[in-house]
C-alpha atoms as a PDB file:
ATOM      1  CA  MET A   1     167.511   0.253 201.942  1.00  0.00           C
ATOM      2  CA  ASP A   2     165.745   0.849 205.822  1.00  0.00           C
ATOM      3  CA  HIS A   3     167.025  -2.503 208.067  1.00  0.00           C
ATOM      4  CA  ALA A   4     165.303  -4.786 210.021  1.00  0.00           C
ATOM      5  CA  PRO A   5     165.846  -5.374 213.806  1.00  0.00           C
ATOM      6  CA  GLU A   6     168.943  -7.310 214.796  1.00  0.00           C
ATOM      7  CA  ALA A   7     167.829 -11.070 214.798  1.00  0.00           C
ATOM      8  CA  THR A   8     167.239 -12.345 218.029  1.00  0.00           C
ATOM      9  CA  GLU A   9     169.249 -15.479 219.519  1.00  0.00           C
ATOM     10  CA  GLY A  10     166.326 -17.807 218.647  1.00  0.00           C
ATOM     11  CA  ALA A  11     166.498 -16.487 215.505  1.00  0.00           C
ATOM     12  CA  HIS A  12     171.210 -17.332 215.061  1.00  0.00           C
ATOM     13  CA  ARG A  13     170.396 -20.496 217.025  1.00  0.00           C
ATOM     14  CA  PHE A  14     167.438 -21.469 214.656  1.00  0.00           C
ATOM     15  CA  PHE A  15     169.134 -20.926 211.142  1.00  0.00           C
ATOM     16  CA  GLY A  16     172.644 -21.568 212.679  1.00  0.00           C
ATOM     17  CA  GLU A  17     174.573 -21.131 209.044  1.00  0.00           C
ATOM     18  CA  ARG A  18     171.771 -20.104 206.513  1.00  0.00           C
ATOM     19  CA  LEU A  19     170.850 -17.697 209.186  1.00  0.00           C
ATOM     20  CA  PRO A  20     172.142 -14.547 206.767  1.00  0.00           C
ATOM     21  CA  ARG A  21     169.754 -15.200 204.437  1.00  0.00           C
ATOM     22  CA  ALA A  22     167.234 -15.194 206.765  1.00  0.00           C
ATOM     23  CA  THR A  23     168.726 -11.569 207.507  1.00  0.00           C
ATOM     24  CA  ALA A  24     168.184 -10.651 204.534  1.00  0.00           C
ATOM     25  CA  PHE A  25     164.791 -11.284 204.116  1.00  0.00           C
ATOM     26  CA  ALA A  26     164.508  -9.886 207.127  1.00  0.00           C
ATOM     27  CA  ASP A  27     165.373  -6.719 205.473  1.00  0.00           C
ATOM     28  CA  ILE A  28     163.418  -6.633 202.591  1.00  0.00           C
ATOM     29  CA  LEU A  29     160.545  -6.975 204.662  1.00  0.00           C
ATOM     30  CA  ALA A  30     161.189  -3.997 206.995  1.00  0.00           C
ATOM     31  CA  ASP A  31     161.819  -2.358 203.075  1.00  0.00           C
ATOM     32  CA  THR A  32     160.091  -3.134 199.862  1.00  0.00           C
ATOM     33  CA  GLY A  33     157.421  -5.441 202.637  1.00  0.00           C
ATOM     34  CA  VAL A  34     156.414  -2.565 204.368  1.00  0.00           C
ATOM     35  CA  SER A  35     156.123  -0.241 201.449  1.00  0.00           C
ATOM     36  CA  HIS A  36     153.968  -2.654 199.223  1.00  0.00           C
ATOM     37  CA  GLY A  37     151.740  -3.042 202.259  1.00  0.00           C
ATOM     38  CA  LEU A  38     152.221  -6.265 202.782  1.00  0.00           C
ATOM     39  CA  ILE A  39     153.422  -5.919 206.631  1.00  0.00           C
ATOM     40  CA  GLY A  40     152.930  -2.574 208.533  1.00  0.00           C
ATOM     41  CA  PRO A  41     155.707  -0.422 209.606  1.00  0.00           C
ATOM     42  CA  ARG A  42     154.497  -0.760 213.618  1.00  0.00           C
ATOM     43  CA  GLU A  43     155.736  -5.183 212.996  1.00  0.00           C
ATOM     44  CA  VAL A  44     159.287  -3.890 211.993  1.00  0.00           C
ATOM     45  CA  PRO A  45     159.703  -3.676 215.882  1.00  0.00           C
ATOM     46  CA  ILE A  46     158.883  -7.562 216.109  1.00  0.00           C
ATOM     47  CA  LEU A  47     159.720  -9.423 212.416  1.00  0.00           C
ATOM     48  CA  TRP A  48     162.101 -11.914 213.835  1.00  0.00           C
ATOM     49  CA  GLU A  49     159.361 -12.942 216.795  1.00  0.00           C
ATOM     50  CA  ARG A  50     155.920 -12.275 214.945  1.00  0.00           C
ATOM     51  CA  HIS A  51     156.419 -13.399 211.698  1.00  0.00           C
ATOM     52  CA  ILE A  52     160.165 -14.850 210.553  1.00  0.00           C
ATOM     53  CA  LEU A  53     160.287 -16.920 213.518  1.00  0.00           C
ATOM     54  CA  ASN A  54     157.182 -17.439 214.058  1.00  0.00           C
ATOM     55  CA  CYS A  55     156.725 -18.823 210.293  1.00  0.00           C
ATOM     56  CA  ALA A  56     159.596 -21.340 209.768  1.00  0.00           C
ATOM     57  CA  VAL A  57     159.359 -22.910 213.066  1.00  0.00           C
ATOM     58  CA  ILE A  58     156.536 -25.074 211.799  1.00  0.00           C
ATOM     59  CA  GLU A  59     158.815 -26.500 209.692  1.00  0.00           C
ATOM     60  CA  ASP A  60     158.909 -29.239 211.233  1.00  0.00           C
ATOM     61  CA  ALA A  61     155.328 -30.998 211.040  1.00  0.00           C
ATOM     62  CA  PHE A  62     157.206 -31.669 207.066  1.00  0.00           C
ATOM     63  CA  PRO A  63     158.856 -34.808 206.532  1.00  0.00           C
ATOM     64  CA  SER A  64     162.431 -33.997 204.244  1.00  0.00           C
ATOM     65  CA  GLY A  65     161.704 -33.597 200.770  1.00  0.00           C
ATOM     66  CA  ALA A  66     158.697 -32.630 201.052  1.00  0.00           C
ATOM     67  CA  ARG A  67     156.556 -30.468 198.895  1.00  0.00           C
ATOM     68  CA  VAL A  68     154.406 -27.979 200.635  1.00  0.00           C
ATOM     69  CA  VAL A  69     151.818 -25.573 199.194  1.00  0.00           C
ATOM     70  CA  ASP A  70     151.111 -22.107 201.014  1.00  0.00           C
ATOM     71  CA  VAL A  71     147.544 -20.884 200.476  1.00  0.00           C
ATOM     72  CA  GLY A  72     147.556 -17.310 200.264  1.00  0.00           C
ATOM     73  CA  SER A  73     151.268 -16.688 200.811  1.00  0.00           C
ATOM     74  CA  GLY A  74     151.453 -12.762 200.493  1.00  0.00           C
ATOM     75  CA  ALA A  75     154.982 -11.496 201.774  1.00  0.00           C
ATOM     76  CA  GLY A  76     156.097 -15.017 201.979  1.00  0.00           C
ATOM     77  CA  LEU A  77     155.251 -16.363 205.460  1.00  0.00           C
ATOM     78  CA  PRO A  78     155.321 -19.226 205.971  1.00  0.00           C
ATOM     79  CA  GLY A  79     156.349 -20.338 202.204  1.00  0.00           C
ATOM     80  CA  VAL A  80     159.668 -18.298 202.124  1.00  0.00           C
ATOM     81  CA  ALA A  81     160.885 -18.133 205.931  1.00  0.00           C
ATOM     82  CA  MET A  82     160.403 -22.010 205.427  1.00  0.00           C
ATOM     83  CA  ALA A  83     162.299 -22.566 201.802  1.00  0.00           C
ATOM     84  CA  ILE A  84     165.290 -20.500 204.031  1.00  0.00           C
ATOM     85  CA  ALA A  85     165.336 -22.936 206.859  1.00  0.00           C
ATOM     86  CA  ARG A  86     164.654 -26.066 204.287  1.00  0.00           C
ATOM     87  CA  PRO A  87     166.020 -26.214 201.160  1.00  0.00           C
ATOM     88  CA  ASP A  88     165.050 -29.818 201.386  1.00  0.00           C
ATOM     89  CA  LEU A  89     161.439 -29.114 201.013  1.00  0.00           C
ATOM     90  CA  GLU A  90     159.726 -28.241 197.817  1.00  0.00           C
ATOM     91  CA  ILE A  91     157.941 -24.878 197.665  1.00  0.00           C
ATOM     92  CA  HIS A  92     154.565 -23.578 196.005  1.00  0.00           C
ATOM     93  CA  LEU A  93     153.524 -19.820 196.837  1.00  0.00           C
ATOM     94  CA  VAL A  94     150.093 -19.666 195.436  1.00  0.00           C
ATOM     95  CA  GLU A  95     148.776 -15.819 196.180  1.00  0.00           C
ATOM     96  CA  PRO A  96     146.536 -13.898 194.013  1.00  0.00           C
ATOM     97  CA  MET A  97     147.427 -10.332 193.591  1.00  0.00           C
ATOM     98  CA  MET A  98     149.349  -9.096 190.861  1.00  0.00           C
ATOM     99  CA  ARG A  99     151.766  -6.784 192.766  1.00  0.00           C
ATOM    100  CA  ARG A 100     152.490  -9.532 195.589  1.00  0.00           C
ATOM    101  CA  THR A 101     153.418 -12.451 192.912  1.00  0.00           C
ATOM    102  CA  GLU A 102     155.660  -9.737 191.112  1.00  0.00           C
ATOM    103  CA  TRP A 103     156.895  -8.951 194.446  1.00  0.00           C
ATOM    104  CA  LEU A 104     157.278 -12.785 195.685  1.00  0.00           C
ATOM    105  CA  ASP A 105     159.332 -13.465 192.498  1.00  0.00           C
ATOM    106  CA  GLY A 106     162.100 -10.495 193.360  1.00  0.00           C
ATOM    107  CA  VAL A 107     162.489 -11.825 197.193  1.00  0.00           C
ATOM    108  CA  VAL A 108     162.967 -15.971 194.996  1.00  0.00           C
ATOM    109  CA  ALA A 109     165.504 -14.337 193.454  1.00  0.00           C
ATOM    110  CA  ASP A 110     167.364 -11.860 195.252  1.00  0.00           C
ATOM    111  CA  LEU A 111     167.586 -14.708 198.201  1.00  0.00           C
ATOM    112  CA  ALA A 112     167.991 -16.971 195.502  1.00  0.00           C
ATOM    113  CA  LEU A 113     166.346 -19.978 196.378  1.00  0.00           C
ATOM    114  CA  GLU A 114     166.144 -22.806 194.219  1.00  0.00           C
ATOM    115  CA  ASN A 115     163.458 -24.164 195.707  1.00  0.00           C
ATOM    116  CA  VAL A 116     161.098 -22.472 195.786  1.00  0.00           C
ATOM    117  CA  THR A 117     157.542 -21.543 193.091  1.00  0.00           C
ATOM    118  CA  VAL A 118     155.849 -18.690 192.157  1.00  0.00           C
ATOM    119  CA  HIS A 119     151.826 -18.919 191.109  1.00  0.00           C
ATOM    120  CA  ARG A 120     149.136 -15.916 191.065  1.00  0.00           C
ATOM    121  CA  ALA A 121     146.764 -17.773 191.555  1.00  0.00           C
ATOM    122  CA  ARG A 122     143.690 -18.791 193.629  1.00  0.00           C
ATOM    123  CA  ALA A 123     143.728 -21.827 195.675  1.00  0.00           C
ATOM    124  CA  GLU A 124     140.187 -22.198 193.575  1.00  0.00           C
ATOM    125  CA  GLU A 125     142.191 -21.640 190.727  1.00  0.00           C
ATOM    126  CA  ILE A 126     144.540 -24.894 191.157  1.00  0.00           C
ATOM    127  CA  HIS A 127     141.958 -27.677 191.856  1.00  0.00           C
ATOM    128  CA  GLY A 128     143.131 -30.203 189.569  1.00  0.00           C
ATOM    129  CA  VAL A 129     146.293 -29.027 188.872  1.00  0.00           C
ATOM    130  CA  LEU A 130     148.688 -28.625 191.212  1.00  0.00           C
ATOM    131  CA  SER A 131     148.852 -31.241 194.379  1.00  0.00           C
ATOM    132  CA  THR A 132     150.525 -32.163 196.863  1.00  0.00           C
ATOM    133  CA  PRO A 133     150.698 -34.139 200.595  1.00  0.00           C
ATOM    134  CA  PHE A 134     150.828 -30.952 202.773  1.00  0.00           C
ATOM    135  CA  VAL A 135     149.629 -27.174 202.129  1.00  0.00           C
ATOM    136  CA  THR A 136     150.000 -24.687 205.313  1.00  0.00           C
ATOM    137  CA  ALA A 137     148.720 -20.864 205.354  1.00  0.00           C
ATOM    138  CA  ARG A 138     149.088 -17.893 207.624  1.00  0.00           C
ATOM    139  CA  ALA A 139     146.146 -15.649 208.760  1.00  0.00           C
ATOM    140  CA  VAL A 140     144.143 -16.319 205.344  1.00  0.00           C
ATOM    141  CA  ALA A 141     140.671 -17.710 207.068  1.00  0.00           C
ATOM    142  CA  ARG A 142     138.531 -19.437 209.080  1.00  0.00           C
ATOM    143  CA  LEU A 143     139.271 -22.835 209.296  1.00  0.00           C
ATOM    144  CA  ASP A 144     135.743 -24.298 207.969  1.00  0.00           C
ATOM    145  CA  LYS A 145     136.883 -21.285 205.150  1.00  0.00           C
ATOM    146  CA  LEU A 146     140.295 -22.607 204.179  1.00  0.00           C
ATOM    147  CA  ALA A 147     139.480 -25.817 204.638  1.00  0.00           C
ATOM    148  CA  ARG A 148     136.863 -25.677 201.693  1.00  0.00           C
ATOM    149  CA  TRP A 149     139.764 -24.410 199.729  1.00  0.00           C
ATOM    150  CA  CYS A 150     142.702 -25.921 200.788  1.00  0.00           C
ATOM    151  CA  PHE A 151     141.225 -29.401 200.987  1.00  0.00           C
ATOM    152  CA  PRO A 152     141.064 -31.044 197.161  1.00  0.00           C
ATOM    153  CA  LEU A 153     145.084 -30.365 196.595  1.00  0.00           C
ATOM    154  CA  LEU A 154     146.159 -32.650 198.840  1.00  0.00           C
ATOM    155  CA  ASP A 155     146.284 -35.994 197.821  1.00  0.00           C
ATOM    156  CA  ASP A 156     145.485 -38.745 199.518  1.00  0.00           C
ATOM    157  CA  GLY A 157     145.767 -38.665 203.233  1.00  0.00           C
ATOM    158  CA  GLY A 158     147.507 -35.397 202.700  1.00  0.00           C
ATOM    159  CA  GLN A 159     147.373 -33.106 205.611  1.00  0.00           C
ATOM    160  CA  LEU A 160     146.589 -28.349 206.278  1.00  0.00           C
ATOM    161  CA  VAL A 161     148.862 -27.386 207.912  1.00  0.00           C
ATOM    162  CA  ALA A 162     146.651 -24.022 208.731  1.00  0.00           C
ATOM    163  CA  MET A 163     149.051 -21.232 211.712  1.00  0.00           C
ATOM    164  CA  LYS A 164     146.268 -20.565 214.200  1.00  0.00           C
ATOM    165  CA  GLY A 165     146.893 -18.596 217.277  1.00  0.00           C
ATOM    166  CA  ARG A 166     145.808 -18.873 221.328  1.00  0.00           C
ATOM    167  CA  SER A 167     143.088 -19.809 220.118  1.00  0.00           C
ATOM    168  CA  ALA A 168     143.601 -22.612 217.897  1.00  0.00           C
ATOM    169  CA  GLN A 169     141.425 -25.402 219.638  1.00  0.00           C
ATOM    170  CA  GLU A 170     138.420 -23.123 219.911  1.00  0.00           C
ATOM    171  CA  GLU A 171     138.412 -22.607 216.242  1.00  0.00           C
ATOM    172  CA  LEU A 172     139.103 -25.964 215.697  1.00  0.00           C
ATOM    173  CA  ASP A 173     135.907 -27.190 218.162  1.00  0.00           C
ATOM    174  CA  ALA A 174     133.868 -24.596 216.429  1.00  0.00           C
ATOM    175  CA  VAL A 175     133.895 -25.962 212.913  1.00  0.00           C
ATOM    176  CA  LEU A 176     134.390 -30.432 213.760  1.00  0.00           C
ATOM    177  CA  PRO A 177     131.594 -31.022 212.211  1.00  0.00           C
ATOM    178  CA  THR A 178     132.231 -29.288 208.293  1.00  0.00           C
ATOM    179  CA  LEU A 179     135.728 -30.911 208.705  1.00  0.00           C
ATOM    180  CA  ARG A 180     134.405 -33.686 208.436  1.00  0.00           C
ATOM    181  CA  ARG A 181     131.819 -33.322 205.739  1.00  0.00           C
ATOM    182  CA  LEU A 182     134.999 -32.014 204.089  1.00  0.00           C
ATOM    183  CA  GLY A 183     136.956 -35.130 204.004  1.00  0.00           C
ATOM    184  CA  MET A 184     139.000 -34.774 207.432  1.00  0.00           C
ATOM    185  CA  THR A 185     139.646 -37.780 208.799  1.00  0.00           C
ATOM    186  CA  ALA A 186     142.027 -36.339 211.936  1.00  0.00           C
ATOM    187  CA  ALA A 187     142.976 -32.896 213.838  1.00  0.00           C
ATOM    188  CA  ALA A 188     145.441 -32.139 216.013  1.00  0.00           C
ATOM    189  CA  VAL A 189     146.779 -28.663 218.083  1.00  0.00           C
ATOM    190  CA  SER A 190     150.405 -29.018 217.766  1.00  0.00           C
ATOM    191  CA  GLU A 191     153.588 -26.070 219.098  1.00  0.00           C
ATOM    192  CA  HIS A 192     156.271 -24.877 217.324  1.00  0.00           C
ATOM    193  CA  GLY A 193     160.111 -23.765 218.315  1.00  0.00           C
ATOM    194  CA  ALA A 194     159.284 -23.409 221.236  1.00  0.00           C
ATOM    195  CA  ALA A 195     162.587 -23.374 222.514  1.00  0.00           C
ATOM    196  CA  VAL A 196     163.350 -20.430 220.473  1.00  0.00           C
ATOM    197  CA  LEU A 197     160.418 -18.446 220.585  1.00  0.00           C
ATOM    198  CA  PRO A 198     159.117 -16.799 223.862  1.00  0.00           C
ATOM    199  CA  GLU A 199     155.395 -18.156 222.996  1.00  0.00           C
ATOM    200  CA  PRO A 200     155.358 -21.402 220.904  1.00  0.00           C
ATOM    201  CA  THR A 201     154.055 -20.642 217.200  1.00  0.00           C
ATOM    202  CA  MET A 202     150.296 -22.777 217.146  1.00  0.00           C
ATOM    203  CA  THR A 203     148.422 -24.822 214.050  1.00  0.00           C
ATOM    204  CA  VAL A 204     145.855 -26.867 213.254  1.00  0.00           C
ATOM    205  CA  ASP A 205     147.317 -29.926 211.678  1.00  0.00           C
ATOM    206  CA  CYS A 206     143.576 -31.465 209.070  1.00  0.00           C
ATOM    207  CA  THR A 207     144.007 -34.634 207.701  1.00  0.00           C
ATOM    208  CA  VAL A 208     142.050 -35.689 204.496  1.00  0.00           C
ATOM    209  CA  THR A 209     140.572 -38.572 203.699  1.00  0.00           C
ATOM    210  CA  PRO A 210     142.212 -41.308 201.097  1.00  0.00           C
ATOM    211  CA  ARG A 211     140.262 -41.560 198.097  1.00  0.00           C
ATOM    212  CA  LYS A 212     138.686 -44.494 197.087  1.00  0.00           C
ATOM    213  CA  PRO A 213     138.858 -45.520 193.310  1.00  0.00           C
ATOM    214  CA  GLY A 214     136.350 -42.651 191.109  1.00  0.00           C
ATOM    215  CA  THR A 215     135.819 -40.657 193.869  1.00  0.00           C
ATOM    216  CA  LYS A 216     135.932 -36.710 194.367  1.00  0.00           C
ATOM    217  CA  ARG A 217     136.575 -34.813 197.910  1.00  0.00           C
ATOM    218  CA  PRO A 218     134.185 -32.356 198.375  1.00  0.00           C
ATOM    219  CA  ARG A 219     135.334 -28.801 197.312  1.00  0.00           C
ATOM    220  CA  ARG A 220     134.247 -25.417 197.688  1.00  0.00           C
ATOM    221  CA  ARG A 221     130.282 -24.816 197.216  1.00  0.00           C
END
């Protein structure tokens, strides 16, 4: 089995006593994560900063005991990383590809993550089936398309916490009219992990309109 690089100082400080489980996840990503095409081999040396820690730090967006749906989970990023950091969270990984969901099932079992459930489905296939106060996603789609997939999953007043890069504010500004038409009432760009990462993780946080009785939020067209 191929092994990941040593955990960074920031990872030690962030994960604390849960670092062994995070290290086990890193080793899985460096081995079968690469062979399954979930991450590229060139990403292995930067697994901690670019992937595991980069994703785990957004856990501060969610209150204690929250249910969070990770849409397009792929390599379990950010969902598995958050589940390791925050065992109080109820994490649902939504991924349409069978090969990936089988891999995720194995990861969840190997890491004994009792707070994670894997769903093989597209986000739009679970509209009306799975609802949640929080949805997150990383590198899945442009913000307006992501909103069409994710807003219908949210409870009244729920929030989409979308991981984005340095251009987060520009992307948000470009699609604000569309997001408002889809039911967004508030949005902000947030930084996470400045104390443990060389460059903080950015998220766009979109809150949706509480629905009135008998009304439905617009869904994907």
